[in-house]
């Protein structure tokens, strides 16, 4: 995901920002926050419910498809129902399987995944990683985590409570907006570096450097 030049750019931005603040800034980059198993299943289920009746409405003759399953007695209406329903069920299963398989292809699934679902999964993944990183911080140290999910095209910034109270959500929103704009024009590393710069400036104003040691590496963690 990131090459040496990318990591050097992020590390330089992080080192510069942390030189002016007592807080820790950590960057995490992942290809995708989730594989979204429910999306292909939902698409498959929807296709299985909607496409067969639509095909029948457009002229698909289930009787003809059911003919191989019928005996001579199938000429009577009530006897036809069983084979026809069997064929309809088979068609539904086939449509479900095909639609699910196609929707499971990442290039197909990603644009079909609701934005809100992506935001929720990225936020969840970032929160889990933040909690894990927080365990490694000495008492009295505060953390700001910048989490970027490339394929989701989402970024989440999470900070310790005391930092969030001082800095405010508007700064994180601005950092994300500037980072995403930089990613579009200059790439992932430039976007992360920009987020670090914006966060670092806000942190320096409220949590100036106290001479403490750097806890985390300055380069981004790739998942």
Protein backbone atom coordinates (compact mmCIF):
# COMPACT_ATOMS: atom_id res chain seq x y z
CA UNK A 1 0.00 0.00 0.00
CA UNK A 2 2.74 2.45 0.99
CA UNK A 3 6.29 2.53 -0.36
CA UNK A 4 9.40 3.81 1.40
CA UNK A 5 8.92 7.35 0.13
CA UNK A 6 5.33 7.33 1.39
CA UNK A 7 6.40 6.11 4.82
CA UNK A 8 9.18 8.70 4.94
CA UNK A 9 6.70 11.49 4.20
CA UNK A 10 4.30 10.31 6.91
CA UNK A 11 7.11 9.76 9.42
CA UNK A 12 8.51 13.24 8.81
CA UNK A 13 5.10 14.85 9.28
CA UNK A 14 4.46 12.84 12.45
CA UNK A 15 7.88 13.62 13.92
CA UNK A 16 7.42 17.33 13.26
CA UNK A 17 3.94 17.37 14.76
CA UNK A 18 4.91 15.37 17.85
CA UNK A 19 7.91 17.63 18.47
CA UNK A 20 5.45 20.35 19.44
CA UNK A 21 2.99 18.31 21.50
CA UNK A 22 2.95 15.85 24.38
CA UNK A 23 0.29 13.78 22.62
CA UNK A 24 0.97 10.74 20.45
CA UNK A 25 -0.19 10.65 16.84
CA UNK A 26 -0.57 7.26 15.19
CA UNK A 27 -1.51 6.55 11.57
CA UNK A 28 -3.09 3.29 10.44
CA UNK A 29 -3.78 2.34 6.84
CA UNK A 30 -5.84 -0.61 5.64
CA UNK A 31 -7.10 -1.68 2.24
CA UNK A 32 -10.64 -2.23 3.50
CA UNK A 33 -12.22 -2.13 6.94
CA UNK A 34 -14.49 -5.13 6.29
CA UNK A 35 -15.34 -7.70 3.62
CA UNK A 36 -19.04 -6.87 4.04
CA UNK A 37 -20.38 -10.42 3.75
CA UNK A 38 -23.95 -9.24 4.18
CA UNK A 39 -23.88 -7.11 1.04
CA UNK A 40 -23.65 -9.96 -1.53
CA UNK A 41 -26.19 -11.96 0.49
CA UNK A 42 -28.64 -9.06 0.54
CA UNK A 43 -28.20 -8.49 -3.18
CA UNK A 44 -28.65 -12.20 -3.88
CA UNK A 45 -31.81 -12.35 -1.77
CA UNK A 46 -33.24 -9.27 -3.44
CA UNK A 47 -32.52 -10.64 -6.89
CA UNK A 48 -34.09 -14.00 -6.01
CA UNK A 49 -37.26 -12.28 -4.80
CA UNK A 50 -37.61 -9.76 -7.63
CA UNK A 51 -36.20 -11.25 -10.83
CA UNK A 52 -38.23 -14.50 -11.14
CA UNK A 53 -41.66 -12.80 -10.86
CA UNK A 54 -40.43 -10.08 -13.21
CA UNK A 55 -39.37 -12.73 -15.72
CA UNK A 56 -42.79 -14.38 -15.45
CA UNK A 57 -44.49 -11.02 -15.96
CA UNK A 58 -42.40 -10.49 -19.09
CA UNK A 59 -43.45 -13.81 -20.55
CA UNK A 60 -41.31 -16.58 -19.06
CA UNK A 61 -43.37 -19.78 -19.28
CA UNK A 62 -42.80 -21.87 -16.19
CA UNK A 63 -45.00 -24.61 -17.62
CA UNK A 64 -42.49 -25.15 -20.39
CA UNK A 65 -39.61 -25.29 -17.93
CA UNK A 66 -41.57 -27.70 -15.75
CA UNK A 67 -42.47 -30.02 -18.65
CA UNK A 68 -39.57 -32.46 -18.03
CA UNK A 69 -40.88 -32.96 -14.48
CA UNK A 70 -44.46 -33.67 -15.52
CA UNK A 71 -46.08 -37.00 -16.27
CA UNK A 72 -49.20 -37.58 -18.40
CA UNK A 73 -51.42 -36.70 -15.46
CA UNK A 74 -49.91 -33.22 -15.39
CA UNK A 75 -52.39 -32.10 -18.01
CA UNK A 76 -54.86 -31.38 -15.23
CA UNK A 77 -54.48 -28.00 -13.50
CA UNK A 78 -53.98 -29.12 -9.89
CA UNK A 79 -51.32 -31.62 -10.93
CA UNK A 80 -49.32 -28.92 -12.71
CA UNK A 81 -48.84 -26.82 -9.59
CA UNK A 82 -46.27 -29.10 -7.95
CA UNK A 83 -43.74 -29.21 -10.82
CA UNK A 84 -44.22 -25.52 -11.60
CA UNK A 85 -43.55 -24.52 -7.99
CA UNK A 86 -40.51 -26.79 -7.96
CA UNK A 87 -39.14 -25.11 -11.08
CA UNK A 88 -39.88 -21.67 -9.62
CA UNK A 89 -37.97 -22.57 -6.45
CA UNK A 90 -35.04 -23.88 -8.52
CA UNK A 91 -34.99 -20.65 -10.52
CA UNK A 92 -34.97 -18.61 -7.31
CA UNK A 93 -32.09 -20.63 -5.87
CA UNK A 94 -30.13 -20.30 -9.12
CA UNK A 95 -30.71 -16.55 -9.25
CA UNK A 96 -29.71 -16.19 -5.58
CA UNK A 97 -26.50 -18.16 -6.10
CA UNK A 98 -25.54 -16.32 -9.28
CA UNK A 99 -26.32 -12.84 -7.95
CA UNK A 100 -24.52 -13.52 -4.67
CA UNK A 101 -21.44 -14.82 -6.46
CA UNK A 102 -21.32 -11.83 -8.78
CA UNK A 103 -21.92 -9.33 -5.97
CA UNK A 104 -19.15 -10.95 -3.91
CA UNK A 105 -16.57 -9.86 -6.50
CA UNK A 106 -14.86 -6.90 -4.76
CA UNK A 107 -15.03 -4.64 -7.82
CA UNK A 108 -18.79 -5.23 -7.98
CA UNK A 109 -19.48 -5.19 -4.24
CA UNK A 110 -17.69 -1.96 -3.39
CA UNK A 111 -19.87 0.47 -5.36
CA UNK A 112 -22.97 -1.40 -4.18
CA UNK A 113 -22.05 -1.15 -0.49
CA UNK A 114 -24.02 1.66 1.22
CA UNK A 115 -21.91 4.60 2.31
CA UNK A 116 -23.41 4.51 5.78
CA UNK A 117 -22.36 0.89 6.21
CA UNK A 118 -18.81 1.73 5.17
CA UNK A 119 -18.67 4.65 7.59
CA UNK A 120 -19.91 2.45 10.42
CA UNK A 121 -17.40 -0.32 9.73
CA UNK A 122 -14.49 2.09 9.42
CA UNK A 123 -15.49 3.76 12.68
CA UNK A 124 -15.79 0.38 14.38
CA UNK A 125 -12.41 -0.80 13.10
CA UNK A 126 -10.77 2.47 14.09
CA UNK A 127 -12.27 2.30 17.59
CA UNK A 128 -11.05 -1.26 18.07
CA UNK A 129 -7.56 -0.37 16.95
CA UNK A 130 -7.55 2.75 19.12
CA UNK A 131 -8.45 0.66 22.17
CA UNK A 132 -5.61 -1.74 21.39
CA UNK A 133 -3.04 1.01 20.89
CA UNK A 134 -4.21 2.77 24.05
CA UNK A 135 -3.09 -0.21 26.12
CA UNK A 136 0.53 0.47 25.16
CA UNK A 137 0.54 4.10 26.27
CA UNK A 138 2.09 5.05 29.63
CA UNK A 139 -0.23 6.66 32.15
CA UNK A 140 -0.77 10.33 31.46
CA UNK A 141 -0.10 10.06 27.73
CA UNK A 142 -2.83 10.85 25.23
CA UNK A 143 -3.38 9.48 21.74
CA UNK A 144 -4.83 10.65 18.45
CA UNK A 145 -5.41 7.88 15.91
CA UNK A 146 -5.77 8.60 12.20
CA UNK A 147 -7.32 5.57 10.50
CA UNK A 148 -7.61 5.41 6.71
CA UNK A 149 -9.44 2.71 4.75
CA UNK A 150 -8.39 3.05 1.12
CA UNK A 151 -11.00 0.99 -0.72
CA UNK A 152 -13.76 2.37 1.51
CA UNK A 153 -12.48 5.88 0.81
CA UNK A 154 -13.07 6.73 4.44
CA UNK A 155 -10.96 8.23 7.19
CA UNK A 156 -11.68 8.32 10.90
CA UNK A 157 -9.88 10.29 13.60
CA UNK A 158 -10.28 9.19 17.21
CA UNK A 159 -8.76 10.94 20.21
CA UNK A 160 -8.65 10.48 23.95
CA UNK A 161 -11.40 12.24 25.87
CA UNK A 162 -9.29 15.09 27.29
CA UNK A 163 -7.95 15.88 23.81
CA UNK A 164 -11.37 15.76 22.21
CA UNK A 165 -12.80 18.09 24.85
CA UNK A 166 -10.09 20.69 24.20
CA UNK A 167 -9.75 20.39 20.43
CA UNK A 168 -13.33 19.66 19.37
CA UNK A 169 -14.93 17.67 16.56
CA UNK A 170 -14.63 20.52 14.05
CA UNK A 171 -10.85 20.11 13.93
CA UNK A 172 -11.08 16.37 13.24
CA UNK A 173 -13.67 17.00 10.53
CA UNK A 174 -11.43 19.61 8.94
CA UNK A 175 -8.42 17.29 9.12
CA UNK A 176 -10.37 14.52 7.39
CA UNK A 177 -11.66 16.88 4.71
CA UNK A 178 -8.19 18.22 3.95
CA UNK A 179 -6.70 14.73 4.02
CA UNK A 180 -9.25 13.30 1.59
CA UNK A 181 -8.70 16.23 -0.76
CA UNK A 182 -4.94 15.65 -0.64
CA UNK A 183 -5.39 11.93 -1.25
CA UNK A 184 -7.35 12.67 -4.43
CA UNK A 185 -4.68 14.97 -5.81
CA UNK A 186 -1.41 13.67 -4.37
CA UNK A 187 -1.96 10.16 -2.98
CA UNK A 188 -2.47 8.37 0.32
CA UNK A 189 0.76 9.45 1.99
CA UNK A 190 0.15 13.12 1.25
CA UNK A 191 -3.34 12.83 2.68
CA UNK A 192 -2.17 11.19 5.89
CA UNK A 193 0.63 13.72 6.25
CA UNK A 194 -1.89 16.53 5.87
CA UNK A 195 -4.14 15.01 8.53
CA UNK A 196 -1.15 14.75 10.86
CA UNK A 197 -0.26 18.40 10.24
CA UNK A 198 -3.77 19.66 11.00
CA UNK A 199 -4.09 17.50 14.12
CA UNK A 200 -0.58 18.41 15.24
CA UNK A 201 -1.24 22.14 15.04
CA UNK A 202 -4.36 21.80 17.20
CA UNK A 203 -2.60 19.55 19.69
CA UNK A 204 0.35 21.91 20.05
CA UNK A 205 -2.01 24.71 21.07
CA UNK A 206 -3.63 22.72 23.88
CA UNK A 207 -1.08 20.00 24.74
CA UNK A 208 2.41 21.46 24.21
CA UNK A 209 5.50 19.30 24.28
CA UNK A 210 6.57 18.22 27.76
CA UNK A 211 9.81 16.52 26.79
CA UNK A 212 8.38 13.02 27.10
CA UNK A 213 9.56 10.11 24.97
CA UNK A 214 7.95 9.05 21.72
CA UNK A 215 5.96 5.85 22.30
CA UNK A 216 4.91 4.76 18.81
CA UNK A 217 6.91 4.64 15.56
CA UNK A 218 6.33 7.65 13.35
CA UNK A 219 5.61 5.64 10.22
CA UNK A 220 2.11 4.42 9.41
CA UNK A 221 0.99 0.96 10.44
CA UNK A 222 -0.27 -1.02 7.45
CA UNK A 223 -2.93 -3.65 8.11
